[in-house]
Amino acid sequence: DESGRGLTLVDALADKWGAGPREGGIGKTVWFELAHTL
């Protein structure tokens, strides 16, 4: 397959990620978090 690995990559590299309905409107929001030291 030439595609279909994006979310697998996000799952592997992000500390956390998720998706949900867009707050206050049509659509969705997909997010990820990365830890840092600042």
Full PDB file with SEQRES, HELIX, SHEET, SSBOND, CRYST1, ORIGX, SCALE, CONECT and MASTER records, all heavy atoms in Angstrom:
SEQRES   1 A   38  ASP GLU SER GLY ARG GLY LEU THR LEU VAL ASP ALA LEU          
SEQRES   2 A   38  ALA ASP LYS TRP GLY ALA GLY PRO ARG GLU GLY GLY ILE          
SEQRES   3 A   38  GLY LYS THR VAL TRP PHE GLU LEU ALA HIS THR LEU              
HELIX    1 AA1 GLY A    6  LEU A   13  1                                   8    
SHEET    1 AA1 2 LYS A  16  PRO A  21  0                                        
SHEET    2 AA1 2 LYS A  28  GLU A  33 -1                                        
CRYST1    1.000    1.000    1.000  90.00  90.00  90.00 P 1           1          
ORIGX1      1.000000  0.000000  0.000000        0.00000                         
ORIGX2      0.000000  1.000000  0.000000        0.00000                         
ORIGX3      0.000000  0.000000  1.000000        0.00000                         
SCALE1      1.000000  0.000000  0.000000        0.00000                         
SCALE2      0.000000  1.000000  0.000000        0.00000                         
SCALE3      0.000000  0.000000  1.000000        0.00000                         
ATOM      1  N   ASP A   1       0.836  -1.206   0.000  1.00  0.00           N  
ATOM      2  CA  ASP A   1       0.000   0.000   0.000  1.00  0.00           C  
ATOM      3  C   ASP A   1       0.866   1.250   0.000  1.00  0.00           C  
ATOM      4  O   ASP A   1       1.889   1.312   0.699  1.00  0.00           O  
ATOM      5  CB  ASP A   1      -0.916   0.030   1.224  1.00  0.00           C  
ATOM      6  CG  ASP A   1      -2.013  -1.007   1.165  1.00  0.00           C  
ATOM      7  OD1 ASP A   1      -2.204  -1.616   0.090  1.00  0.00           O  
ATOM      8  OD2 ASP A   1      -2.679  -1.205   2.198  1.00  0.00           O  
ATOM      9  N   GLU A   2       0.436   2.247  -0.768  1.00  0.00           N  
ATOM     10  CA  GLU A   2       1.165   3.513  -0.829  1.00  0.00           C  
ATOM     11  C   GLU A   2       0.693   4.507   0.215  1.00  0.00           C  
ATOM     12  O   GLU A   2       1.287   5.567   0.382  1.00  0.00           O  
ATOM     13  CB  GLU A   2       1.050   4.111  -2.229  1.00  0.00           C  
ATOM     14  CG  GLU A   2       1.772   3.284  -3.271  1.00  0.00           C  
ATOM     15  CD  GLU A   2       1.741   3.929  -4.634  1.00  0.00           C  
ATOM     16  OE1 GLU A   2       1.464   5.135  -4.729  1.00  0.00           O  
ATOM     17  OE2 GLU A   2       2.007   3.220  -5.614  1.00  0.00           O  
ATOM     18  N   SER A   3      -0.381   4.208   0.915  1.00  0.00           N  
ATOM     19  CA  SER A   3      -0.880   5.091   1.964  1.00  0.00           C  
ATOM     20  C   SER A   3      -1.496   4.239   3.063  1.00  0.00           C  
ATOM     21  O   SER A   3      -1.517   3.018   2.975  1.00  0.00           O  
ATOM     22  CB  SER A   3      -1.909   6.069   1.392  1.00  0.00           C  
ATOM     23  OG  SER A   3      -3.040   5.357   0.934  1.00  0.00           O  
ATOM     24  N   GLY A   4      -1.992   4.900   4.104  1.00  0.00           N  
ATOM     25  CA  GLY A   4      -2.661   4.174   5.170  1.00  0.00           C  
ATOM     26  C   GLY A   4      -1.841   3.965   6.417  1.00  0.00           C  
ATOM     27  O   GLY A   4      -2.259   3.248   7.328  1.00  0.00           O  
ATOM     28  N   ARG A   5      -0.661   4.591   6.487  1.00  0.00           N  
ATOM     29  CA  ARG A   5       0.201   4.414   7.658  1.00  0.00           C  
ATOM     30  C   ARG A   5       0.271   5.648   8.556  1.00  0.00           C  
ATOM     31  O   ARG A   5       0.941   5.639   9.574  1.00  0.00           O  
ATOM     32  CB  ARG A   5       1.610   4.046   7.201  1.00  0.00           C  
ATOM     33  CG  ARG A   5       1.684   2.708   6.524  1.00  0.00           C  
ATOM     34  CD  ARG A   5       3.073   2.437   5.963  1.00  0.00           C  
ATOM     35  NE  ARG A   5       3.123   1.168   5.292  1.00  0.00           N  
ATOM     36  CZ  ARG A   5       2.716   0.961   4.039  1.00  0.00           C  
ATOM     37  NH1 ARG A   5       2.264   1.963   3.332  1.00  0.00           N  
ATOM     38  NH2 ARG A   5       2.782  -0.234   3.505  1.00  0.00           N  
ATOM     39  N   GLY A   6      -0.395   6.727   8.170  1.00  0.00           N  
ATOM     40  CA  GLY A   6      -0.274   7.993   8.887  1.00  0.00           C  
ATOM     41  C   GLY A   6      -0.639   7.915  10.355  1.00  0.00           C  
ATOM     42  O   GLY A   6       0.121   8.333  11.216  1.00  0.00           O  
ATOM     43  N   LEU A   7      -1.812   7.374  10.656  1.00  0.00           N  
ATOM     44  CA  LEU A   7      -2.224   7.298  12.052  1.00  0.00           C  
ATOM     45  C   LEU A   7      -1.420   6.272  12.832  1.00  0.00           C  
ATOM     46  O   LEU A   7      -1.229   6.416  14.037  1.00  0.00           O  
ATOM     47  CB  LEU A   7      -3.721   7.008  12.160  1.00  0.00           C  
ATOM     48  CG  LEU A   7      -4.622   8.175  11.759  1.00  0.00           C  
ATOM     49  CD1 LEU A   7      -6.083   7.764  11.841  1.00  0.00           C  
ATOM     50  CD2 LEU A   7      -4.358   9.407  12.608  1.00  0.00           C  
ATOM     51  N   THR A   8      -0.923   5.254  12.159  1.00  0.00           N  
ATOM     52  CA  THR A   8      -0.028   4.298  12.816  1.00  0.00           C  
ATOM     53  C   THR A   8       1.254   5.008  13.242  1.00  0.00           C  
ATOM     54  O   THR A   8       1.765   4.789  14.341  1.00  0.00           O  
ATOM     55  CB  THR A   8       0.287   3.116  11.876  1.00  0.00           C  
ATOM     56  OG1 THR A   8      -0.938   2.486  11.524  1.00  0.00           O  
ATOM     57  CG2 THR A   8       1.214   2.119  12.529  1.00  0.00           C  
ATOM     58  N   LEU A   9       1.747   5.893  12.384  1.00  0.00           N  
ATOM     59  CA  LEU A   9       2.926   6.695  12.704  1.00  0.00           C  
ATOM     60  C   LEU A   9       2.639   7.643  13.865  1.00  0.00           C  
ATOM     61  O   LEU A   9       3.436   7.757  14.798  1.00  0.00           O  
ATOM     62  CB  LEU A   9       3.369   7.472  11.463  1.00  0.00           C  
ATOM     63  CG  LEU A   9       4.684   8.207  11.542  1.00  0.00           C  
ATOM     64  CD1 LEU A   9       5.837   7.253  11.779  1.00  0.00           C  
ATOM     65  CD2 LEU A   9       4.911   8.989  10.250  1.00  0.00           C  
ATOM     66  N   VAL A  10       1.490   8.306  13.826  1.00  0.00           N  
ATOM     67  CA  VAL A  10       1.095   9.191  14.923  1.00  0.00           C  
ATOM     68  C   VAL A  10       1.017   8.399  16.225  1.00  0.00           C  
ATOM     69  O   VAL A  10       1.542   8.826  17.262  1.00  0.00           O  
ATOM     70  CB  VAL A  10      -0.251   9.898  14.619  1.00  0.00           C  
ATOM     71  CG1 VAL A  10      -0.764  10.661  15.832  1.00  0.00           C  
ATOM     72  CG2 VAL A  10      -0.102  10.841  13.422  1.00  0.00           C  
ATOM     73  N   ASP A  11       0.404   7.232  16.181  1.00  0.00           N  
ATOM     74  CA  ASP A  11       0.267   6.396  17.373  1.00  0.00           C  
ATOM     75  C   ASP A  11       1.626   5.974  17.920  1.00  0.00           C  
ATOM     76  O   ASP A  11       1.840   5.921  19.128  1.00  0.00           O  
ATOM     77  CB  ASP A  11      -0.580   5.168  17.044  1.00  0.00           C  
ATOM     78  CG  ASP A  11      -0.943   4.370  18.268  1.00  0.00           C  
ATOM     79  OD1 ASP A  11      -1.475   4.956  19.228  1.00  0.00           O  
ATOM     80  OD2 ASP A  11      -0.686   3.149  18.271  1.00  0.00           O  
ATOM     81  N   ALA A  12       2.570   5.695  17.025  1.00  0.00           N  
ATOM     82  CA  ALA A  12       3.897   5.233  17.447  1.00  0.00           C  
ATOM     83  C   ALA A  12       4.761   6.351  18.025  1.00  0.00           C  
ATOM     84  O   ALA A  12       5.529   6.124  18.955  1.00  0.00           O  
ATOM     85  CB  ALA A  12       4.621   4.593  16.266  1.00  0.00           C  
ATOM     86  N   LEU A  13       4.637   7.568  17.490  1.00  0.00           N  
ATOM     87  CA  LEU A  13       5.558   8.640  17.876  1.00  0.00           C  
ATOM     88  C   LEU A  13       5.001   9.630  18.899  1.00  0.00           C  
ATOM     89  O   LEU A  13       5.770  10.267  19.613  1.00  0.00           O  
ATOM     90  CB  LEU A  13       6.016   9.404  16.628  1.00  0.00           C  
ATOM     91  CG  LEU A  13       6.811   8.590  15.608  1.00  0.00           C  
ATOM     92  CD1 LEU A  13       7.163   9.452  14.398  1.00  0.00           C  
ATOM     93  CD2 LEU A  13       8.057   7.986  16.232  1.00  0.00           C  
ATOM     94  N   ALA A  14       3.700   9.783  18.952  1.00  0.00           N  
ATOM     95  CA  ALA A  14       3.102  10.740  19.890  1.00  0.00           C  
ATOM     96  C   ALA A  14       2.993  10.124  21.278  1.00  0.00           C  
ATOM     97  O   ALA A  14       2.831   8.910  21.424  1.00  0.00           O  
ATOM     98  CB  ALA A  14       1.728  11.166  19.393  1.00  0.00           C  
ATOM     99  N   ASP A  15       3.081  10.967  22.296  1.00  0.00           N  
ATOM    100  CA  ASP A  15       2.858  10.494  23.656  1.00  0.00           C  
ATOM    101  C   ASP A  15       1.383  10.195  23.879  1.00  0.00           C  
ATOM    102  O   ASP A  15       1.035   9.266  24.605  1.00  0.00           O  
ATOM    103  CB  ASP A  15       3.360  11.524  24.667  1.00  0.00           C  
ATOM    104  CG  ASP A  15       4.867  11.669  24.597  1.00  0.00           C  
ATOM    105  OD1 ASP A  15       5.559  10.644  24.691  1.00  0.00           O  
ATOM    106  OD2 ASP A  15       5.347  12.802  24.409  1.00  0.00           O  
ATOM    107  N   LYS A  16       0.517  11.006  23.260  1.00  0.00           N  
ATOM    108  CA  LYS A  16      -0.928  10.807  23.298  1.00  0.00           C  
ATOM    109  C   LYS A  16      -1.479  11.362  21.993  1.00  0.00           C  
ATOM    110  O   LYS A  16      -0.898  12.269  21.406  1.00  0.00           O  
ATOM    111  CB  LYS A  16      -1.573  11.585  24.449  1.00  0.00           C  
ATOM    112  CG  LYS A  16      -1.316  11.031  25.819  1.00  0.00           C  
ATOM    113  CD  LYS A  16      -1.848  11.936  26.924  1.00  0.00           C  
ATOM    114  CE  LYS A  16      -3.343  12.104  26.903  1.00  0.00           C  
ATOM    115  NZ  LYS A  16      -3.854  12.905  28.042  1.00  0.00           N  
ATOM    116  N   TRP A  17      -2.614  10.836  21.555  1.00  0.00           N  
ATOM    117  CA  TRP A  17      -3.319  11.413  20.423  1.00  0.00           C  
ATOM    118  C   TRP A  17      -4.785  11.022  20.518  1.00  0.00           C  
ATOM    119  O   TRP A  17      -5.145  10.106  21.259  1.00  0.00           O  
ATOM    120  CB  TRP A  17      -2.705  10.988  19.085  1.00  0.00           C  
ATOM    121  CG  TRP A  17      -3.062   9.607  18.622  1.00  0.00           C  
ATOM    122  CD1 TRP A  17      -2.436   8.442  18.980  1.00  0.00           C  
ATOM    123  CD2 TRP A  17      -4.117   9.238  17.745  1.00  0.00           C  
ATOM    124  NE1 TRP A  17      -3.043   7.385  18.366  1.00  0.00           N  
ATOM    125  CE2 TRP A  17      -4.085   7.835  17.597  1.00  0.00           C  
ATOM    126  CE3 TRP A  17      -5.094   9.959  17.058  1.00  0.00           C  
ATOM    127  CZ2 TRP A  17      -4.994   7.150  16.799  1.00  0.00           C  
ATOM    128  CZ3 TRP A  17      -5.996   9.267  16.259  1.00  0.00           C  
ATOM    129  CH2 TRP A  17      -5.936   7.885  16.138  1.00  0.00           C  
ATOM    130  N   GLY A  18      -5.612  11.736  19.785  1.00  0.00           N  
ATOM    131  CA  GLY A  18      -7.029  11.413  19.794  1.00  0.00           C  
ATOM    132  C   GLY A  18      -7.768  12.221  18.756  1.00  0.00           C  
ATOM    133  O   GLY A  18      -7.185  13.042  18.029  1.00  0.00           O  
ATOM    134  N   ALA A  19      -9.060  11.995  18.695  1.00  0.00           N  
ATOM    135  CA  ALA A  19      -9.925  12.705  17.759  1.00  0.00           C  
ATOM    136  C   ALA A  19     -11.303  12.822  18.379  1.00  0.00           C  
ATOM    137  O   ALA A  19     -11.723  11.966  19.161  1.00  0.00           O  
ATOM    138  CB  ALA A  19     -10.000  11.955  16.436  1.00  0.00           C  
ATOM    139  N   GLY A  20     -11.998  13.899  18.021  1.00  0.00           N  
ATOM    140  CA  GLY A  20     -13.352  14.088  18.520  1.00  0.00           C  
ATOM    141  C   GLY A  20     -14.070  15.134  17.713  1.00  0.00           C  
ATOM    142  O   GLY A  20     -13.472  15.813  16.870  1.00  0.00           O  
ATOM    143  N   PRO A  21     -15.363  15.267  17.957  1.00  0.00           N  
ATOM    144  CA  PRO A  21     -16.125  16.286  17.248  1.00  0.00           C  
ATOM    145  C   PRO A  21     -15.537  17.675  17.501  1.00  0.00           C  
ATOM    146  O   PRO A  21     -15.026  17.949  18.594  1.00  0.00           O  
ATOM    147  CB  PRO A  21     -17.528  16.183  17.850  1.00  0.00           C  
ATOM    148  CG  PRO A  21     -17.581  14.821  18.463  1.00  0.00           C  
ATOM    149  CD  PRO A  21     -16.178  14.503  18.886  1.00  0.00           C  
ATOM    150  N   ARG A  22     -15.597  18.506  16.485  1.00  0.00           N  
ATOM    151  CA  ARG A  22     -15.087  19.872  16.605  1.00  0.00           C  
ATOM    152  C   ARG A  22     -15.939  20.642  17.605  1.00  0.00           C  
ATOM    153  O   ARG A  22     -17.165  20.615  17.546  1.00  0.00           O  
ATOM    154  CB  ARG A  22     -15.146  20.555  15.245  1.00  0.00           C  
ATOM    155  CG  ARG A  22     -14.629  21.944  15.263  1.00  0.00           C  
ATOM    156  CD  ARG A  22     -14.603  22.507  13.857  1.00  0.00           C  
ATOM    157  NE  ARG A  22     -14.552  23.931  13.921  1.00  0.00           N  
ATOM    158  CZ  ARG A  22     -15.221  24.732  13.120  1.00  0.00           C  
ATOM    159  NH1 ARG A  22     -15.979  24.239  12.168  1.00  0.00           N  
ATOM    160  NH2 ARG A  22     -15.116  26.030  13.254  1.00  0.00           N  
ATOM    161  N   GLU A  23     -15.287  21.295  18.529  1.00  0.00           N  
ATOM    162  CA  GLU A  23     -15.979  22.059  19.550  1.00  0.00           C  
ATOM    163  C   GLU A  23     -16.720  23.227  18.903  1.00  0.00           C  
ATOM    164  O   GLU A  23     -16.131  24.042  18.193  1.00  0.00           O  
ATOM    165  CB  GLU A  23     -14.963  22.585  20.570  1.00  0.00           C  
ATOM    166  CG  GLU A  23     -15.591  23.206  21.780  1.00  0.00           C  
ATOM    167  CD  GLU A  23     -14.549  23.570  22.818  1.00  0.00           C  
ATOM    168  OE1 GLU A  23     -13.723  22.698  23.154  1.00  0.00           O  
ATOM    169  OE2 GLU A  23     -14.560  24.719  23.260  1.00  0.00           O  
ATOM    170  N   GLY A  24     -18.018  23.282  19.110  1.00  0.00           N  
ATOM    171  CA  GLY A  24     -18.809  24.404  18.644  1.00  0.00           C  
ATOM    172  C   GLY A  24     -19.053  24.470  17.148  1.00  0.00           C  
ATOM    173  O   GLY A  24     -19.360  25.545  16.631  1.00  0.00           O  
ATOM    174  N   GLY A  25     -18.937  23.360  16.442  1.00  0.00           N  
ATOM    175  CA  GLY A  25     -19.167  23.460  15.008  1.00  0.00           C  
ATOM    176  C   GLY A  25     -19.171  22.137  14.286  1.00  0.00           C  
ATOM    177  O   GLY A  25     -19.125  21.071  14.889  1.00  0.00           O  
ATOM    178  N   ILE A  26     -19.218  22.235  12.982  1.00  0.00           N  
ATOM    179  CA  ILE A  26     -19.227  21.071  12.107  1.00  0.00           C  
ATOM    180  C   ILE A  26     -17.813  20.532  11.983  1.00  0.00           C  
ATOM    181  O   ILE A  26     -16.863  21.288  11.879  1.00  0.00           O  
ATOM    182  CB  ILE A  26     -19.741  21.479  10.713  1.00  0.00           C  
ATOM    183  CG1 ILE A  26     -21.185  21.972  10.820  1.00  0.00           C  
ATOM    184  CG2 ILE A  26     -19.618  20.348   9.716  1.00  0.00           C  
ATOM    185  CD1 ILE A  26     -21.686  22.645   9.580  1.00  0.00           C  
ATOM    186  N   GLY A  27     -17.680  19.220  11.963  1.00  0.00           N  
ATOM    187  CA  GLY A  27     -16.380  18.621  11.698  1.00  0.00           C  
ATOM    188  C   GLY A  27     -15.762  17.967  12.908  1.00  0.00           C  
ATOM    189  O   GLY A  27     -16.434  17.636  13.886  1.00  0.00           O  
ATOM    190  N   LYS A  28     -14.449  17.812  12.821  1.00  0.00           N  
ATOM    191  CA  LYS A  28     -13.711  17.108  13.870  1.00  0.00           C  
ATOM    192  C   LYS A  28     -12.364  17.778  14.108  1.00  0.00           C  
ATOM    193  O   LYS A  28     -11.900  18.570  13.298  1.00  0.00           O  
ATOM    194  CB  LYS A  28     -13.485  15.650  13.473  1.00  0.00           C  
ATOM    195  CG  LYS A  28     -12.520  15.508  12.299  1.00  0.00           C  
ATOM    196  CD  LYS A  28     -12.278  14.064  11.976  1.00  0.00           C  
ATOM    197  CE  LYS A  28     -11.549  13.873  10.677  1.00  0.00           C  
ATOM    198  NZ  LYS A  28     -12.207  14.388   9.498  1.00  0.00           N  
ATOM    199  N   THR A  29     -11.757  17.398  15.214  1.00  0.00           N  
ATOM    200  CA  THR A  29     -10.395  17.803  15.539  1.00  0.00           C  
ATOM    201  C   THR A  29      -9.608  16.544  15.861  1.00  0.00           C  
ATOM    202  O   THR A  29     -10.064  15.698  16.630  1.00  0.00           O  
ATOM    203  CB  THR A  29     -10.366  18.759  16.744  1.00  0.00           C  
ATOM    204  OG1 THR A  29     -11.115  19.934  16.405  1.00  0.00           O  
ATOM    205  CG2 THR A  29      -8.941  19.148  17.106  1.00  0.00           C  
ATOM    206  N   VAL A  30      -8.452  16.424  15.236  1.00  0.00           N  
ATOM    207  CA  VAL A  30      -7.522  15.331  15.513  1.00  0.00           C  
ATOM    208  C   VAL A  30      -6.282  15.986  16.120  1.00  0.00           C  
ATOM    209  O   VAL A  30      -5.814  17.011  15.631  1.00  0.00           O  
ATOM    210  CB  VAL A  30      -7.162  14.552  14.227  1.00  0.00           C  
ATOM    211  CG1 VAL A  30      -6.265  13.372  14.563  1.00  0.00           C  
ATOM    212  CG2 VAL A  30      -8.419  14.084  13.506  1.00  0.00           C  
ATOM    213  N   TRP A  31      -5.745  15.416  17.192  1.00  0.00           N  
ATOM    214  CA  TRP A  31      -4.648  16.063  17.912  1.00  0.00           C  
ATOM    215  C   TRP A  31      -3.613  15.026  18.362  1.00  0.00           C  
ATOM    216  O   TRP A  31      -3.887  13.840  18.421  1.00  0.00           O  
ATOM    217  CB  TRP A  31      -5.176  16.822  19.129  1.00  0.00           C  
ATOM    218  CG  TRP A  31      -5.978  15.948  20.050  1.00  0.00           C  
ATOM    219  CD1 TRP A  31      -7.323  15.729  20.016  1.00  0.00           C  
ATOM    220  CD2 TRP A  31      -5.477  15.136  21.121  1.00  0.00           C  
ATOM    221  NE1 TRP A  31      -7.688  14.830  20.997  1.00  0.00           N  
ATOM    222  CE2 TRP A  31      -6.581  14.461  21.682  1.00  0.00           C  
ATOM    223  CE3 TRP A  31      -4.210  14.911  21.654  1.00  0.00           C  
ATOM    224  CZ2 TRP A  31      -6.440  13.587  22.753  1.00  0.00           C  
ATOM    225  CZ3 TRP A  31      -4.066  14.029  22.721  1.00  0.00           C  
ATOM    226  CH2 TRP A  31      -5.187  13.401  23.263  1.00  0.00           C  
ATOM    227  N   PHE A  32      -2.436  15.553  18.673  1.00  0.00           N  
ATOM    228  CA  PHE A  32      -1.404  14.727  19.299  1.00  0.00           C  
ATOM    229  C   PHE A  32      -0.642  15.580  20.300  1.00  0.00           C  
ATOM    230  O   PHE A  32      -0.662  16.807  20.231  1.00  0.00           O  
ATOM    231  CB  PHE A  32      -0.451  14.095  18.272  1.00  0.00           C  
ATOM    232  CG  PHE A  32       0.397  15.068  17.514  1.00  0.00           C  
ATOM    233  CD1 PHE A  32       1.589  15.540  18.035  1.00  0.00           C  
ATOM    234  CD2 PHE A  32      -0.008  15.506  16.264  1.00  0.00           C  
ATOM    235  CE1 PHE A  32       2.368  16.445  17.329  1.00  0.00           C  
ATOM    236  CE2 PHE A  32       0.763  16.402  15.554  1.00  0.00           C  
ATOM    237  CZ  PHE A  32       1.954  16.864  16.075  1.00  0.00           C  
ATOM    238  N   GLU A  33       0.004  14.910  21.237  1.00  0.00           N  
ATOM    239  CA  GLU A  33       0.822  15.581  22.239  1.00  0.00           C  
ATOM    240  C   GLU A  33       2.206  14.963  22.274  1.00  0.00           C  
ATOM    241  O   GLU A  33       2.357  13.747  22.120  1.00  0.00           O  
ATOM    242  CB  GLU A  33       0.192  15.470  23.629  1.00  0.00           C  
ATOM    243  CG  GLU A  33      -1.114  16.204  23.748  1.00  0.00           C  
ATOM    244  CD  GLU A  33      -1.747  16.074  25.122  1.00  0.00           C  
ATOM    245  OE1 GLU A  33      -1.206  15.320  25.978  1.00  0.00           O  
ATOM    246  OE2 GLU A  33      -2.772  16.720  25.349  1.00  0.00           O  
ATOM    247  N   LEU A  34       3.202  15.836  22.476  1.00  0.00           N  
ATOM    248  CA  LEU A  34       4.586  15.417  22.656  1.00  0.00           C  
ATOM    249  C   LEU A  34       5.107  16.044  23.939  1.00  0.00           C  
ATOM    250  O   LEU A  34       4.910  17.239  24.173  1.00  0.00           O  
ATOM    251  CB  LEU A  34       5.454  15.883  21.482  1.00  0.00           C  
ATOM    252  CG  LEU A  34       5.090  15.334  20.106  1.00  0.00           C  
ATOM    253  CD1 LEU A  34       5.908  16.033  19.028  1.00  0.00           C  
ATOM    254  CD2 LEU A  34       5.304  13.830  20.055  1.00  0.00           C  
ATOM    255  N   ALA A  35       5.778  15.267  24.755  1.00  0.00           N  
ATOM    256  CA  ALA A  35       6.368  15.789  25.988  1.00  0.00           C  
ATOM    257  C   ALA A  35       7.591  16.636  25.650  1.00  0.00           C  
ATOM    258  O   ALA A  35       8.255  16.420  24.633  1.00  0.00           O  
ATOM    259  CB  ALA A  35       6.777  14.636  26.899  1.00  0.00           C  
ATOM    260  N   HIS A  36       7.868  17.628  26.482  1.00  0.00           N  
ATOM    261  CA  HIS A  36       9.068  18.454  26.350  1.00  0.00           C  
ATOM    262  C   HIS A  36       9.528  18.865  27.740  1.00  0.00           C  
ATOM    263  O   HIS A  36       8.918  18.495  28.730  1.00  0.00           O  
ATOM    264  CB  HIS A  36       8.813  19.672  25.460  1.00  0.00           C  
ATOM    265  CG  HIS A  36       7.876  20.660  26.088  1.00  0.00           C  
ATOM    266  ND1 HIS A  36       8.280  21.559  27.033  1.00  0.00           N  
ATOM    267  CD2 HIS A  36       6.554  20.851  25.921  1.00  0.00           C  
ATOM    268  CE1 HIS A  36       7.247  22.285  27.415  1.00  0.00           C  
ATOM    269  NE2 HIS A  36       6.186  21.869  26.760  1.00  0.00           N  
ATOM    270  N   THR A  37      10.590  19.655  27.809  1.00  0.00           N  
ATOM    271  CA  THR A  37      11.174  20.003  29.104  1.00  0.00           C  
ATOM    272  C   THR A  37      11.123  21.489  29.421  1.00  0.00           C  
ATOM    273  O   THR A  37      11.786  21.939  30.345  1.00  0.00           O  
ATOM    274  CB  THR A  37      12.641  19.545  29.149  1.00  0.00           C  
ATOM    275  OG1 THR A  37      13.336  20.151  28.057  1.00  0.00           O  
ATOM    276  CG2 THR A  37      12.743  18.039  29.068  1.00  0.00           C  
ATOM    277  N   LEU A  38      10.352  22.280  28.682  1.00  0.00           N  
ATOM    278  CA  LEU A  38      10.285  23.718  28.941  1.00  0.00           C  
ATOM    279  C   LEU A  38       9.162  24.057  29.901  1.00  0.00           C  
ATOM    280  O   LEU A  38       8.267  23.266  30.139  1.00  0.00           O  
ATOM    281  CB  LEU A  38      10.077  24.486  27.632  1.00  0.00           C  
ATOM    282  CG  LEU A  38      11.218  24.396  26.632  1.00  0.00           C  
ATOM    283  CD1 LEU A  38      10.881  25.234  25.418  1.00  0.00           C  
ATOM    284  CD2 LEU A  38      12.511  24.861  27.248  1.00  0.00           C  
TER     285      LEU A  38                                                      
MASTER        0    0    0    1    2    0    0    6  284    1    0    3          
END                                                                             
